PDB file of N, CA and C in Angstrom:
ATOM      1  N   MET A   1     167.004 113.337 140.401  1.00  0.00           N
ATOM      2  CA  MET A   1     165.700 113.922 140.652  1.00  0.00           C
ATOM      3  C   MET A   1     165.163 114.504 139.351  1.00  0.00           C
ATOM      4  N   ALA A   2     163.859 114.405 139.199  1.00  0.00           N
ATOM      5  CA  ALA A   2     163.218 114.873 137.979  1.00  0.00           C
ATOM      6  C   ALA A   2     163.193 116.400 137.925  1.00  0.00           C
ATOM      7  N   ASN A   3     163.263 116.936 136.711  1.00  0.00           N
ATOM      8  CA  ASN A   3     163.190 118.385 136.506  1.00  0.00           C
ATOM      9  C   ASN A   3     161.809 118.829 136.040  1.00  0.00           C
ATOM     10  N   ILE A   4     161.115 117.943 135.356  1.00  0.00           N
ATOM     11  CA  ILE A   4     159.823 118.298 134.773  1.00  0.00           C
ATOM     12  C   ILE A   4     158.735 118.180 135.834  1.00  0.00           C
ATOM     13  N   LYS A   5     157.814 119.139 135.800  1.00  0.00           N
ATOM     14  CA  LYS A   5     156.771 119.221 136.819  1.00  0.00           C
ATOM     15  C   LYS A   5     155.924 117.951 136.895  1.00  0.00           C
ATOM     16  N   SER A   6     155.531 117.423 135.749  1.00  0.00           N
ATOM     17  CA  SER A   6     154.688 116.228 135.744  1.00  0.00           C
ATOM     18  C   SER A   6     155.439 115.014 136.293  1.00  0.00           C
ATOM     19  N   ALA A   7     156.752 114.960 136.032  1.00  0.00           N
ATOM     20  CA  ALA A   7     157.560 113.849 136.543  1.00  0.00           C
ATOM     21  C   ALA A   7     157.671 113.936 138.066  1.00  0.00           C
ATOM     22  N   LYS A   8     157.784 115.159 138.579  1.00  0.00           N
ATOM     23  CA  LYS A   8     157.836 115.355 140.035  1.00  0.00           C
ATOM     24  C   LYS A   8     156.524 114.899 140.671  1.00  0.00           C
ATOM     25  N   LYS A   9     155.420 115.226 140.013  1.00  0.00           N
ATOM     26  CA  LYS A   9     154.112 114.819 140.528  1.00  0.00           C
ATOM     27  C   LYS A   9     153.988 113.296 140.519  1.00  0.00           C
ATOM     28  N   ARG A  10     154.423 112.663 139.433  1.00  0.00           N
ATOM     29  CA  ARG A  10     154.343 111.208 139.348  1.00  0.00           C
ATOM     30  C   ARG A  10     155.124 110.562 140.492  1.00  0.00           C
ATOM     31  N   ILE A  11     156.279 111.111 140.828  1.00  0.00           N
ATOM     32  CA  ILE A  11     157.084 110.567 141.929  1.00  0.00           C
ATOM     33  C   ILE A  11     156.295 110.627 143.237  1.00  0.00           C
ATOM     34  N   LYS A  12     155.609 111.743 143.475  1.00  0.00           N
ATOM     35  CA  LYS A  12     154.803 111.884 144.693  1.00  0.00           C
ATOM     36  C   LYS A  12     153.642 110.895 144.692  1.00  0.00           C
ATOM     37  N   VAL A  13     152.958 110.784 143.546  1.00  0.00           N
ATOM     38  CA  VAL A  13     151.801 109.901 143.445  1.00  0.00           C
ATOM     39  C   VAL A  13     152.221 108.443 143.654  1.00  0.00           C
ATOM     40  N   ILE A  14     153.330 108.050 143.042  1.00  0.00           N
ATOM     41  CA  ILE A  14     153.822 106.680 143.177  1.00  0.00           C
ATOM     42  C   ILE A  14     154.188 106.385 144.629  1.00  0.00           C
ATOM     43  N   ALA A  15     154.804 107.354 145.299  1.00  0.00           N
ATOM     44  CA  ALA A  15     155.171 107.157 146.704  1.00  0.00           C
ATOM     45  C   ALA A  15     153.920 106.945 147.561  1.00  0.00           C
ATOM     46  N   THR A  16     152.876 107.713 147.282  1.00  0.00           N
ATOM     47  CA  THR A  16     151.622 107.572 148.028  1.00  0.00           C
ATOM     48  C   THR A  16     150.990 106.209 147.780  1.00  0.00           C
ATOM     49  N   LYS A  17     150.929 105.804 146.516  1.00  0.00           N
ATOM     50  CA  LYS A  17     150.323 104.511 146.179  1.00  0.00           C
ATOM     51  C   LYS A  17     151.130 103.357 146.758  1.00  0.00           C
ATOM     52  N   THR A  18     152.460 103.468 146.739  1.00  0.00           N
ATOM     53  CA  THR A  18     153.319 102.428 147.300  1.00  0.00           C
ATOM     54  C   THR A  18     153.063 102.262 148.787  1.00  0.00           C
ATOM     55  N   ALA A  19     152.946 103.382 149.494  1.00  0.00           N
ATOM     56  CA  ALA A  19     152.682 103.328 150.934  1.00  0.00           C
ATOM     57  C   ALA A  19     151.324 102.684 151.213  1.00  0.00           C
ATOM     58  N   HIS A  20     150.331 103.025 150.409  1.00  0.00           N
ATOM     59  CA  HIS A  20     148.992 102.456 150.576  1.00  0.00           C
ATOM     60  C   HIS A  20     149.009 100.947 150.339  1.00  0.00           C
ATOM     61  N   ASN A  21     149.646 100.516 149.249  1.00  0.00           N
ATOM     62  CA  ASN A  21     149.723  99.090 148.930  1.00  0.00           C
ATOM     63  C   ASN A  21     150.489  98.327 150.004  1.00  0.00           C
ATOM     64  N   LYS A  22     151.565  98.951 150.512  1.00  0.00           N
ATOM     65  CA  LYS A  22     152.378  98.311 151.541  1.00  0.00           C
ATOM     66  C   LYS A  22     151.572  98.097 152.814  1.00  0.00           C
ATOM     67  N   SER A  23     150.722  99.070 153.165  1.00  0.00           N
ATOM     68  CA  SER A  23     149.921  98.932 154.373  1.00  0.00           C
ATOM     69  C   SER A  23     148.895  97.808 154.226  1.00  0.00           C
ATOM     70  N   ILE A  24     148.317  97.670 153.044  1.00  0.00           N
ATOM     71  CA  ILE A  24     147.350  96.597 152.814  1.00  0.00           C
ATOM     72  C   ILE A  24     148.042  95.233 152.860  1.00  0.00           C
ATOM     73  N   LYS A  25     149.225  95.132 152.241  1.00  0.00           N
ATOM     74  CA  LYS A  25     149.972  93.871 152.275  1.00  0.00           C
ATOM     75  C   LYS A  25     150.342  93.505 153.708  1.00  0.00           C
ATOM     76  N   SER A  26     150.728  94.498 154.480  1.00  0.00           N
ATOM     77  CA  SER A  26     151.098  94.271 155.872  1.00  0.00           C
ATOM     78  C   SER A  26     149.904  93.768 156.670  1.00  0.00           C
ATOM     79  N   ARG A  27     148.740  94.359 156.423  1.00  0.00           N
ATOM     80  CA  ARG A  27     147.509  93.947 157.112  1.00  0.00           C
ATOM     81  C   ARG A  27     147.170  92.494 156.773  1.00  0.00           C
ATOM     82  N   VAL A  28     147.321  92.129 155.503  1.00  0.00           N
ATOM     83  CA  VAL A  28     147.044  90.758 155.082  1.00  0.00           C
ATOM     84  C   VAL A  28     148.009  89.794 155.763  1.00  0.00           C
ATOM     85  N   LYS A  29     149.278  90.153 155.827  1.00  0.00           N
ATOM     86  CA  LYS A  29     150.271  89.290 156.478  1.00  0.00           C
ATOM     87  C   LYS A  29     149.932  89.082 157.949  1.00  0.00           C
ATOM     88  N   THR A  30     149.493  90.140 158.616  1.00  0.00           N
ATOM     89  CA  THR A  30     149.127  90.041 160.028  1.00  0.00           C
ATOM     90  C   THR A  30     147.951  89.091 160.214  1.00  0.00           C
ATOM     91  N   ILE A  31     146.964  89.203 159.345  1.00  0.00           N
ATOM     92  CA  ILE A  31     145.784  88.340 159.442  1.00  0.00           C
ATOM     93  C   ILE A  31     146.160  86.881 159.169  1.00  0.00           C
ATOM     94  N   ILE A  32     147.067  86.658 158.217  1.00  0.00           N
ATOM     95  CA  ILE A  32     147.530  85.300 157.925  1.00  0.00           C
ATOM     96  C   ILE A  32     148.251  84.720 159.140  1.00  0.00           C
ATOM     97  N   LYS A  33     149.033  85.556 159.820  1.00  0.00           N
ATOM     98  CA  LYS A  33     149.728  85.094 161.026  1.00  0.00           C
ATOM     99  C   LYS A  33     148.738  84.699 162.113  1.00  0.00           C
ATOM    100  N   LYS A  34     147.594  85.411 162.190  1.00  0.00           N
ATOM    101  CA  LYS A  34     146.565  85.050 163.166  1.00  0.00           C
ATOM    102  C   LYS A  34     146.037  83.648 162.896  1.00  0.00           C
ATOM    103  N   VAL A  35     145.819  83.341 161.623  1.00  0.00           N
ATOM    104  CA  VAL A  35     145.328  82.011 161.255  1.00  0.00           C
ATOM    105  C   VAL A  35     146.372  80.964 161.631  1.00  0.00           C
ATOM    106  N   ASP A  36     147.634  81.212 161.269  1.00  0.00           N
ATOM    107  CA  ASP A  36     148.709  80.264 161.563  1.00  0.00           C
ATOM    108  C   ASP A  36     148.855  80.027 163.064  1.00  0.00           C
ATOM    109  N   THR A  37     148.740  81.097 163.841  1.00  0.00           N
ATOM    110  CA  THR A  37     148.855  80.977 165.294  1.00  0.00           C
ATOM    111  C   THR A  37     147.715  80.146 165.867  1.00  0.00           C
ATOM    112  N   ALA A  38     146.506  80.392 165.379  1.00  0.00           N
ATOM    113  CA  ALA A  38     145.345  79.638 165.851  1.00  0.00           C
ATOM    114  C   ALA A  38     145.476  78.155 165.498  1.00  0.00           C
ATOM    115  N   VAL A  39     145.997  77.868 164.303  1.00  0.00           N
ATOM    116  CA  VAL A  39     146.204  76.477 163.893  1.00  0.00           C
ATOM    117  C   VAL A  39     147.269  75.823 164.777  1.00  0.00           C
ATOM    118  N   ALA A  40     148.340  76.552 165.044  1.00  0.00           N
ATOM    119  CA  ALA A  40     149.423  76.018 165.877  1.00  0.00           C
ATOM    120  C   ALA A  40     148.947  75.743 167.308  1.00  0.00           C
ATOM    121  N   ASN A  41     148.059  76.592 167.810  1.00  0.00           N
ATOM    122  CA  ASN A  41     147.538  76.413 169.169  1.00  0.00           C
ATOM    123  C   ASN A  41     146.417  75.377 169.227  1.00  0.00           C
ATOM    124  N   GLY A  42     145.904  74.976 168.079  1.00  0.00           N
ATOM    125  CA  GLY A  42     144.852  73.977 168.034  1.00  0.00           C
ATOM    126  C   GLY A  42     143.464  74.524 168.346  1.00  0.00           C
ATOM    127  N   ASP A  43     143.310  75.833 168.237  1.00  0.00           N
ATOM    128  CA  ASP A  43     142.028  76.479 168.523  1.00  0.00           C
ATOM    129  C   ASP A  43     141.204  76.544 167.234  1.00  0.00           C
ATOM    130  N   LYS A  44     140.299  75.578 167.078  1.00  0.00           N
ATOM    131  CA  LYS A  44     139.572  75.434 165.813  1.00  0.00           C
ATOM    132  C   LYS A  44     138.640  76.611 165.526  1.00  0.00           C
ATOM    133  N   GLU A  45     137.923  77.070 166.535  1.00  0.00           N
ATOM    134  CA  GLU A  45     136.968  78.171 166.331  1.00  0.00           C
ATOM    135  C   GLU A  45     137.686  79.464 165.954  1.00  0.00           C
ATOM    136  N   ALA A  46     138.776  79.757 166.651  1.00  0.00           N
ATOM    137  CA  ALA A  46     139.548  80.965 166.343  1.00  0.00           C
ATOM    138  C   ALA A  46     140.145  80.868 164.942  1.00  0.00           C
ATOM    139  N   ALA A  47     140.597  79.673 164.578  1.00  0.00           N
ATOM    140  CA  ALA A  47     141.189  79.468 163.251  1.00  0.00           C
ATOM    141  C   ALA A  47     140.155  79.698 162.160  1.00  0.00           C
ATOM    142  N   LYS A  48     138.928  79.187 162.368  1.00  0.00           N
ATOM    143  CA  LYS A  48     137.883  79.354 161.351  1.00  0.00           C
ATOM    144  C   LYS A  48     137.469  80.808 161.203  1.00  0.00           C
ATOM    145  N   SER A  49     137.344  81.525 162.318  1.00  0.00           N
ATOM    146  CA  SER A  49     136.960  82.937 162.226  1.00  0.00           C
ATOM    147  C   SER A  49     138.086  83.770 161.611  1.00  0.00           C
ATOM    148  N   ALA A  50     139.338  83.431 161.965  1.00  0.00           N
ATOM    149  CA  ALA A  50     140.482  84.141 161.380  1.00  0.00           C
ATOM    150  C   ALA A  50     140.605  83.828 159.896  1.00  0.00           C
ATOM    151  N   LEU A  51     140.267  82.601 159.505  1.00  0.00           N
ATOM    152  CA  LEU A  51     140.312  82.215 158.095  1.00  0.00           C
ATOM    153  C   LEU A  51     139.316  83.031 157.286  1.00  0.00           C
ATOM    154  N   THR A  52     138.114  83.201 157.821  1.00  0.00           N
ATOM    155  CA  THR A  52     137.094  83.993 157.135  1.00  0.00           C
ATOM    156  C   THR A  52     137.574  85.418 156.920  1.00  0.00           C
ATOM    157  N   GLU A  53     138.174  85.977 157.970  1.00  0.00           N
ATOM    158  CA  GLU A  53     138.708  87.340 157.890  1.00  0.00           C
ATOM    159  C   GLU A  53     139.851  87.421 156.876  1.00  0.00           C
ATOM    160  N   ALA A  54     140.700  86.389 156.860  1.00  0.00           N
ATOM    161  CA  ALA A  54     141.843  86.365 155.943  1.00  0.00           C
ATOM    162  C   ALA A  54     141.380  86.281 154.491  1.00  0.00           C
ATOM    163  N   ILE A  55     140.398  85.431 154.225  1.00  0.00           N
ATOM    164  CA  ILE A  55     139.890  85.290 152.856  1.00  0.00           C
ATOM    165  C   ILE A  55     139.314  86.614 152.373  1.00  0.00           C
ATOM    166  N   LYS A  56     138.587  87.281 153.254  1.00  0.00           N
ATOM    167  CA  LYS A  56     137.993  88.568 152.905  1.00  0.00           C
ATOM    168  C   LYS A  56     139.085  89.602 152.588  1.00  0.00           C
ATOM    169  N   ALA A  57     140.126  89.669 153.419  1.00  0.00           N
ATOM    170  CA  ALA A  57     141.204  90.645 153.221  1.00  0.00           C
ATOM    171  C   ALA A  57     141.997  90.346 151.945  1.00  0.00           C
ATOM    172  N   ILE A  58     142.286  89.064 151.707  1.00  0.00           N
ATOM    173  CA  ILE A  58     143.052  88.684 150.518  1.00  0.00           C
ATOM    174  C   ILE A  58     142.249  88.980 149.252  1.00  0.00           C
ATOM    175  N   SER A  59     140.966  88.662 149.271  1.00  0.00           N
ATOM    176  CA  SER A  59     140.113  88.927 148.105  1.00  0.00           C
ATOM    177  C   SER A  59     140.008  90.418 147.827  1.00  0.00           C
ATOM    178  N   SER A  60     139.906  91.191 148.892  1.00  0.00           N
ATOM    179  CA  SER A  60     139.834  92.644 148.749  1.00  0.00           C
ATOM    180  C   SER A  60     141.122  93.197 148.136  1.00  0.00           C
ATOM    181  N   ALA A  61     142.261  92.703 148.622  1.00  0.00           N
ATOM    182  CA  ALA A  61     143.546  93.150 148.081  1.00  0.00           C
ATOM    183  C   ALA A  61     143.699  92.745 146.620  1.00  0.00           C
ATOM    184  N   THR A  62     143.169  91.581 146.262  1.00  0.00           N
ATOM    185  CA  THR A  62     143.247  91.104 144.880  1.00  0.00           C
ATOM    186  C   THR A  62     142.405  91.977 143.959  1.00  0.00           C
ATOM    187  N   SER A  63     141.219  92.347 144.429  1.00  0.00           N
ATOM    188  CA  SER A  63     140.350  93.169 143.590  1.00  0.00           C
ATOM    189  C   SER A  63     140.937  94.562 143.376  1.00  0.00           C
ATOM    190  N   LYS A  64     141.787  95.004 144.297  1.00  0.00           N
ATOM    191  CA  LYS A  64     142.450  96.304 144.155  1.00  0.00           C
ATOM    192  C   LYS A  64     143.736  96.218 143.343  1.00  0.00           C
ATOM    193  N   GLY A  65     144.101  94.991 142.941  1.00  0.00           N
ATOM    194  CA  GLY A  65     145.280  94.817 142.098  1.00  0.00           C
ATOM    195  C   GLY A  65     146.573  94.712 142.868  1.00  0.00           C
ATOM    196  N   ILE A  66     146.497  94.472 144.160  1.00  0.00           N
ATOM    197  CA  ILE A  66     147.710  94.390 144.978  1.00  0.00           C
ATOM    198  C   ILE A  66     148.324  93.000 144.877  1.00  0.00           C
ATOM    199  N   PHE A  67     147.456  91.971 144.806  1.00  0.00           N
ATOM    200  CA  PHE A  67     147.908  90.597 144.596  1.00  0.00           C
ATOM    201  C   PHE A  67     147.400  90.113 143.251  1.00  0.00           C
ATOM    202  N   HIS A  68     148.187  89.255 142.597  1.00  0.00           N
ATOM    203  CA  HIS A  68     147.728  88.569 141.391  1.00  0.00           C
ATOM    204  C   HIS A  68     146.698  87.534 141.819  1.00  0.00           C
ATOM    205  N   LYS A  69     145.755  87.235 140.934  1.00  0.00           N
ATOM    206  CA  LYS A  69     144.667  86.329 141.330  1.00  0.00           C
ATOM    207  C   LYS A  69     145.175  84.932 141.680  1.00  0.00           C
ATOM    208  N   ASN A  70     146.215  84.464 141.005  1.00  0.00           N
ATOM    209  CA  ASN A  70     146.764  83.140 141.332  1.00  0.00           C
ATOM    210  C   ASN A  70     147.462  83.150 142.690  1.00  0.00           C
ATOM    211  N   THR A  71     148.124  84.243 143.014  1.00  0.00           N
ATOM    212  CA  THR A  71     148.767  84.377 144.314  1.00  0.00           C
ATOM    213  C   THR A  71     147.722  84.345 145.412  1.00  0.00           C
ATOM    214  N   ALA A  72     146.645  85.059 145.201  1.00  0.00           N
ATOM    215  CA  ALA A  72     145.562  85.089 146.183  1.00  0.00           C
ATOM    216  C   ALA A  72     144.952  83.698 146.343  1.00  0.00           C
ATOM    217  N   SER A  73     144.726  83.010 145.247  1.00  0.00           N
ATOM    218  CA  SER A  73     144.164  81.666 145.300  1.00  0.00           C
ATOM    219  C   SER A  73     145.079  80.722 146.069  1.00  0.00           C
ATOM    220  N   ARG A  74     146.375  80.840 145.836  1.00  0.00           N
ATOM    221  CA  ARG A  74     147.351  79.985 146.525  1.00  0.00           C
ATOM    222  C   ARG A  74     147.343  80.246 148.026  1.00  0.00           C
ATOM    223  N   LYS A  75     147.323  81.526 148.403  1.00  0.00           N
ATOM    224  CA  LYS A  75     147.315  81.877 149.826  1.00  0.00           C
ATOM    225  C   LYS A  75     146.057  81.353 150.502  1.00  0.00           C
ATOM    226  N   ILE A  76     144.910  81.562 149.867  1.00  0.00           N
ATOM    227  CA  ILE A  76     143.640  81.106 150.437  1.00  0.00           C
ATOM    228  C   ILE A  76     143.622  79.582 150.540  1.00  0.00           C
ATOM    229  N   SER A  77     144.114  78.904 149.501  1.00  0.00           N
ATOM    230  CA  SER A  77     144.140  77.447 149.487  1.00  0.00           C
ATOM    231  C   SER A  77     145.004  76.899 150.618  1.00  0.00           C
ATOM    232  N   ASN A  78     146.188  77.465 150.793  1.00  0.00           N
ATOM    233  CA  ASN A  78     147.091  76.987 151.843  1.00  0.00           C
ATOM    234  C   ASN A  78     146.501  77.199 153.233  1.00  0.00           C
ATOM    235  N   LEU A  79     145.879  78.357 153.442  1.00  0.00           N
ATOM    236  CA  LEU A  79     145.265  78.621 154.745  1.00  0.00           C
ATOM    237  C   LEU A  79     144.095  77.682 155.004  1.00  0.00           C
ATOM    238  N   THR A  80     143.262  77.479 153.988  1.00  0.00           N
ATOM    239  CA  THR A  80     142.108  76.594 154.138  1.00  0.00           C
ATOM    240  C   THR A  80     142.548  75.172 154.423  1.00  0.00           C
ATOM    241  N   LYS A  81     143.586  74.743 153.724  1.00  0.00           N
ATOM    242  CA  LYS A  81     144.121  73.404 153.929  1.00  0.00           C
ATOM    243  C   LYS A  81     144.627  73.234 155.368  1.00  0.00           C
ATOM    244  N   ALA A  82     145.298  74.253 155.878  1.00  0.00           N
ATOM    245  CA  ALA A  82     145.829  74.201 157.243  1.00  0.00           C
ATOM    246  C   ALA A  82     144.699  74.109 158.270  1.00  0.00           C
ATOM    247  N   VAL A  83     143.644  74.907 158.061  1.00  0.00           N
ATOM    248  CA  VAL A  83     142.522  74.895 158.997  1.00  0.00           C
ATOM    249  C   VAL A  83     141.772  73.560 158.908  1.00  0.00           C
ATOM    250  N   ASN A  84     141.563  73.054 157.703  1.00  0.00           N
ATOM    251  CA  ASN A  84     140.841  71.796 157.532  1.00  0.00           C
ATOM    252  C   ASN A  84     141.622  70.594 158.070  1.00  0.00           C
ATOM    253  N   SER A  85     142.955  70.696 158.108  1.00  0.00           N
ATOM    254  CA  SER A  85     143.776  69.587 158.601  1.00  0.00           C
ATOM    255  C   SER A  85     143.660  69.429 160.114  1.00  0.00           C
ATOM    256  N   MET A  86     143.062  70.418 160.791  1.00  0.00           N
ATOM    257  CA  MET A  86     142.905  70.348 162.240  1.00  0.00           C
ATOM    258  C   MET A  86     141.847  69.318 162.643  1.00  0.00           C
ATOM    259  N   GLU A  87     140.960  68.978 161.744  1.00  0.00           N
ATOM    260  CA  GLU A  87     139.826  68.113 162.087  1.00  0.00           C
ATOM    261  C   GLU A  87     140.161  66.649 162.178  1.00  0.00           C
TER     262      GLU A  87
END
């Protein structure tokens, strides 16, 4: 454990930021699962609406620095490909 006051504060701040980032990542994963489920069930309309929501969430997380831009692009590409393959 840290002895210096500023180091103790940094530990608290990092814990808070980690929890915040983890919640956003979890939300993105849940939304991605919605898209996958809709694709698996063959529900095209639900898949398209879930895809729109997923792209928005992934882009938002990327702009906050939670995902690298290439990671976000890959996730969006894979989801879009899955939804487009339904046609």
